[in-house]
Amino acid sequence: RPKILTTEQNGVLALMLAFSAVIVQLASLGFQSASGRVFPYFRKTEKNHHGFLFLSSAVSVVGFAICFLAVLFFGDLIWGDDPDFRLIFNTYGPILWGLSFFLLFFGVLDNYNRAVYDTVTGTALREFYQKFFVALSYGLLLLVSLRFEQFIYVWLIANILPTIIIALKLAKENKLNFTPDLKFPNIPLVAGMVSISSFAVISGFTTMIIQYIDKIMISKLMGLS
């Protein structure tokens, strides 16, 4: 990251990414991991795939609300008086939750886009364009004098642009349809989705611990710098 940011400011951004990744993992309730397996049961273009995009979005909204309320009511019990965590969730809380929301729905839209036979767009946006947009935001610091409180909004926009782009792409192709099909799925299919999603939540904890929670623990021990 550019040296123009202090180590503490770089630490804020790194910790925000780590927390947002954990929130996305938990808020998805395992449904994003399960969607690839269950989508074939929904696939029917003329019936808007039985409202699959609505269902996936609804599950994510519910999961996101649960995470938000859990932090709102029990956050102080989780991290106590840790000043760094309070900085992330209080001072930069709106940015953290905004980032988490858009990253969560990038996963929703990307999984849906993959299910309708486009495996390229999401990968390109996630692996290249998101990093490119973030690099541009850092490059802006070399051209424009911005306080960190201003720069973090530029950084936020850079991170959420891929979600906006994939949403516009689906809308242009008339695939961004959130109309529900309340008569579908049936009870056995719902039971299967719950089972697969539950397993995905459990297995996802392993990845989460390896990739993100260790960073959070290190930050707690050593501080943002």
Protein backbone atom coordinates (compact mmCIF):
# COMPACT_ATOMS: atom_id res chain seq x y z
CA ARG A 1 0.00 0.00 0.00
CA PRO A 2 1.21 3.56 -0.61
CA LYS A 3 3.55 4.98 1.99
CA ILE A 4 1.49 8.15 1.93
CA LEU A 5 -0.86 6.39 4.35
CA THR A 6 0.36 5.83 7.89
CA THR A 7 0.74 2.32 9.25
CA GLU A 8 -2.30 2.91 11.45
CA GLN A 9 -4.40 3.96 8.46
CA ASN A 10 -3.27 0.92 6.48
CA GLY A 11 -4.19 -1.14 9.53
CA VAL A 12 -7.69 0.34 9.56
CA LEU A 13 -8.23 -0.64 5.91
CA ALA A 14 -6.83 -4.14 6.43
CA LEU A 15 -8.95 -4.72 9.51
CA MET A 16 -12.03 -3.39 7.76
CA LEU A 17 -11.50 -5.85 4.90
CA ALA A 18 -11.05 -8.71 7.35
CA PHE A 19 -14.19 -7.85 9.32
CA SER A 20 -16.24 -7.34 6.16
CA ALA A 21 -15.15 -10.76 4.88
CA VAL A 22 -16.27 -12.37 8.14
CA ILE A 23 -19.59 -10.53 8.01
CA VAL A 24 -20.17 -11.62 4.40
CA GLN A 25 -19.35 -15.22 5.26
CA LEU A 26 -21.77 -15.27 8.19
CA ALA A 27 -24.51 -13.17 6.54
CA SER A 28 -24.74 -15.48 3.53
CA LEU A 29 -25.98 -18.21 5.91
CA GLY A 30 -24.23 -20.72 3.69
CA PHE A 31 -26.74 -20.18 0.87
CA GLN A 32 -24.23 -18.80 -1.60
CA SER A 33 -22.15 -21.95 -1.26
CA ALA A 34 -25.25 -24.09 -1.69
CA SER A 35 -26.70 -22.14 -4.62
CA GLY A 36 -24.63 -23.93 -7.23
CA ARG A 37 -26.05 -27.28 -6.15
CA VAL A 38 -29.68 -26.24 -5.83
CA PHE A 39 -30.04 -23.90 -8.82
CA PRO A 40 -30.68 -26.73 -11.32
CA TYR A 41 -33.95 -27.39 -9.46
CA PHE A 42 -34.94 -23.75 -10.07
CA ARG A 43 -33.73 -23.41 -13.63
CA LYS A 44 -36.55 -22.31 -15.91
CA THR A 45 -35.93 -19.16 -17.92
CA GLU A 46 -39.56 -18.50 -18.84
CA LYS A 47 -40.50 -18.54 -15.14
CA ASN A 48 -37.63 -16.32 -13.99
CA HIS A 49 -35.92 -19.39 -12.52
CA HIS A 50 -38.72 -19.61 -9.95
CA GLY A 51 -37.60 -16.44 -8.20
CA PHE A 52 -34.15 -17.77 -7.33
CA LEU A 53 -32.56 -14.32 -7.31
CA PHE A 54 -35.23 -13.08 -4.92
CA LEU A 55 -34.71 -16.07 -2.62
CA SER A 56 -30.94 -15.69 -2.60
CA SER A 57 -31.24 -11.96 -1.93
CA ALA A 58 -33.82 -12.46 0.81
CA VAL A 59 -31.62 -14.98 2.62
CA SER A 60 -28.69 -12.55 2.43
CA VAL A 61 -30.75 -9.63 3.72
CA VAL A 62 -31.94 -11.72 6.66
CA GLY A 63 -28.39 -12.88 7.40
CA PHE A 64 -27.06 -9.33 7.12
CA ALA A 65 -29.74 -8.06 9.51
CA ILE A 66 -28.88 -10.80 12.01
CA CYS A 67 -25.18 -9.87 11.90
CA PHE A 68 -25.95 -6.17 12.27
CA LEU A 69 -28.25 -6.71 15.24
CA ALA A 70 -25.78 -9.12 16.86
CA VAL A 71 -23.01 -6.53 16.68
CA LEU A 72 -25.36 -3.74 17.76
CA PHE A 73 -26.51 -5.54 20.90
CA PHE A 74 -23.59 -7.81 21.74
CA GLY A 75 -20.58 -6.07 20.18
CA ASP A 76 -19.35 -4.63 23.47
CA LEU A 77 -19.36 -8.12 24.99
CA ILE A 78 -17.29 -9.47 22.11
CA TRP A 79 -14.46 -6.95 21.97
CA GLY A 80 -14.84 -5.12 25.27
CA ASP A 81 -12.85 -1.90 25.48
CA ASP A 82 -10.50 -2.63 22.59
CA PRO A 83 -9.96 0.81 20.99
CA ASP A 84 -9.15 -0.54 17.53
CA PHE A 85 -12.34 -2.58 17.28
CA ARG A 86 -14.37 0.35 18.58
CA LEU A 87 -12.75 2.53 15.91
CA ILE A 88 -13.78 0.11 13.17
CA PHE A 89 -17.35 -0.51 14.34
CA ASN A 90 -18.15 2.93 15.72
CA THR A 91 -16.15 5.60 13.92
CA TYR A 92 -16.04 3.75 10.60
CA GLY A 93 -19.13 1.63 11.20
CA PRO A 94 -21.21 2.99 8.29
CA ILE A 95 -18.33 2.36 5.88
CA LEU A 96 -17.79 -1.17 7.23
CA TRP A 97 -21.45 -2.10 6.93
CA GLY A 98 -21.77 -0.47 3.51
CA LEU A 99 -18.71 -2.36 2.28
CA SER A 100 -20.01 -5.63 3.74
CA PHE A 101 -23.45 -5.16 2.17
CA PHE A 102 -22.09 -4.56 -1.33
CA LEU A 103 -19.56 -7.41 -1.09
CA LEU A 104 -22.34 -9.70 0.11
CA PHE A 105 -24.51 -8.83 -2.86
CA PHE A 106 -21.61 -9.15 -5.25
CA GLY A 107 -21.55 -12.80 -4.16
CA VAL A 108 -25.32 -13.09 -4.66
CA LEU A 109 -25.21 -11.61 -8.16
CA ASP A 110 -22.01 -13.42 -9.14
CA ASN A 111 -23.42 -16.81 -8.13
CA TYR A 112 -26.62 -16.11 -10.05
CA ASN A 113 -24.65 -14.91 -13.07
CA ARG A 114 -22.56 -18.08 -12.99
CA ALA A 115 -25.69 -20.19 -12.75
CA VAL A 116 -27.00 -18.64 -15.98
CA TYR A 117 -23.77 -19.62 -17.76
CA ASP A 118 -21.48 -16.60 -17.37
CA THR A 119 -18.47 -17.68 -15.34
CA VAL A 120 -16.15 -14.98 -16.69
CA THR A 121 -17.60 -11.64 -15.62
CA GLY A 122 -17.57 -12.21 -11.87
CA THR A 123 -14.06 -13.64 -11.87
CA ALA A 124 -12.73 -10.73 -13.92
CA LEU A 125 -14.42 -8.18 -11.68
CA ARG A 126 -13.23 -9.84 -8.47
CA GLU A 127 -9.70 -10.81 -9.47
CA PHE A 128 -8.73 -7.89 -11.69
CA TYR A 129 -11.04 -4.91 -11.86
CA GLN A 130 -11.64 -4.60 -8.12
CA LYS A 131 -7.89 -4.57 -7.49
CA PHE A 132 -7.49 -2.12 -10.37
CA PHE A 133 -10.11 0.26 -8.97
CA VAL A 134 -8.52 0.10 -5.51
CA ALA A 135 -5.09 0.78 -7.03
CA LEU A 136 -6.56 3.84 -8.77
CA SER A 137 -7.92 5.08 -5.46
CA TYR A 138 -4.44 4.83 -3.94
CA GLY A 139 -2.98 6.52 -7.00
CA LEU A 140 -5.37 9.41 -6.44
CA LEU A 141 -3.54 10.14 -3.19
CA LEU A 142 -0.44 10.98 -5.23
CA LEU A 143 -2.37 13.56 -7.24
CA VAL A 144 -4.87 15.02 -4.81
CA SER A 145 -4.43 15.99 -1.19
CA LEU A 146 -7.05 14.01 0.73
CA ARG A 147 -7.50 13.49 4.42
CA PHE A 148 -7.91 9.86 5.42
CA GLU A 149 -11.54 10.55 6.36
CA GLN A 150 -12.09 11.60 2.72
CA PHE A 151 -9.93 8.95 1.11
CA ILE A 152 -11.76 6.09 2.83
CA TYR A 153 -14.93 6.97 0.89
CA VAL A 154 -12.97 6.86 -2.38
CA TRP A 155 -11.60 3.48 -1.28
CA LEU A 156 -15.12 2.32 -0.46
CA ILE A 157 -16.42 3.30 -3.90
CA ALA A 158 -13.53 1.45 -5.54
CA ASN A 159 -14.46 -1.71 -3.64
CA ILE A 160 -18.18 -1.57 -4.41
CA LEU A 161 -17.89 -0.71 -8.12
CA PRO A 162 -17.74 -4.41 -9.17
CA THR A 163 -21.12 -5.01 -7.51
CA ILE A 164 -22.64 -2.09 -9.40
CA ILE A 165 -21.10 -3.26 -12.67
CA ILE A 166 -22.36 -6.83 -12.42
CA ALA A 167 -25.82 -5.55 -11.43
CA LEU A 168 -25.91 -3.28 -14.49
CA LYS A 169 -24.73 -6.16 -16.67
CA LEU A 170 -27.55 -8.40 -15.46
CA ALA A 171 -30.08 -5.57 -15.83
CA LYS A 172 -28.94 -4.92 -19.40
CA GLU A 173 -29.55 -8.60 -20.20
CA ASN A 174 -32.98 -8.49 -18.49
CA LYS A 175 -31.82 -10.99 -15.88
CA LEU A 176 -31.97 -8.74 -12.82
CA ASN A 177 -35.46 -9.78 -11.80
CA PHE A 178 -36.33 -9.98 -8.09
CA THR A 179 -39.90 -11.19 -8.60
CA PRO A 180 -40.57 -14.01 -6.10
CA ASP A 181 -42.26 -17.33 -6.82
CA LEU A 182 -44.02 -17.99 -3.55
CA LYS A 183 -45.24 -21.41 -4.69
CA PHE A 184 -41.68 -22.65 -5.14
CA PRO A 185 -39.65 -24.38 -3.73
CA ASN A 186 -41.46 -27.26 -2.06
CA ILE A 187 -40.76 -28.52 1.46
CA PRO A 188 -38.31 -31.33 0.52
CA LEU A 189 -36.24 -28.89 -1.56
CA VAL A 190 -36.23 -26.35 1.27
CA ALA A 191 -35.06 -29.05 3.67
CA GLY A 192 -32.27 -29.96 1.28
CA MET A 193 -31.19 -26.33 0.92
CA VAL A 194 -31.13 -25.87 4.70
CA SER A 195 -29.02 -29.00 5.08
CA ILE A 196 -26.49 -27.98 2.43
CA SER A 197 -26.36 -24.38 3.68
CA SER A 198 -25.79 -25.52 7.26
CA PHE A 199 -22.87 -27.66 6.18
CA ALA A 200 -21.50 -24.74 4.15
CA VAL A 201 -21.62 -22.47 7.21
CA ILE A 202 -19.65 -24.99 9.25
CA SER A 203 -17.07 -25.67 6.55
CA GLY A 204 -16.77 -21.95 5.84
CA PHE A 205 -15.49 -21.35 9.36
CA THR A 206 -12.26 -23.17 8.46
CA THR A 207 -11.54 -20.82 5.59
CA MET A 208 -12.60 -17.84 7.66
CA ILE A 209 -10.22 -18.75 10.50
CA ILE A 210 -7.29 -19.28 8.15
CA GLN A 211 -7.78 -16.17 6.02
CA TYR A 212 -9.32 -13.55 8.26
CA ILE A 213 -9.72 -14.27 11.96
CA ASP A 214 -5.98 -14.67 12.44
CA LYS A 215 -5.52 -11.14 11.05
CA ILE A 216 -8.10 -9.82 13.49
CA MET A 217 -6.42 -11.60 16.40
CA ILE A 218 -2.99 -10.27 15.39
CA SER A 219 -4.43 -6.77 15.18
CA LYS A 220 -5.90 -7.17 18.66
CA LEU A 221 -2.50 -8.21 20.04
CA MET A 222 -0.27 -5.77 18.15
CA GLY A 223 -2.54 -2.87 17.30
CA LEU A 224 -3.36 -1.33 13.93
CA SER A 225 0.28 -0.55 13.09
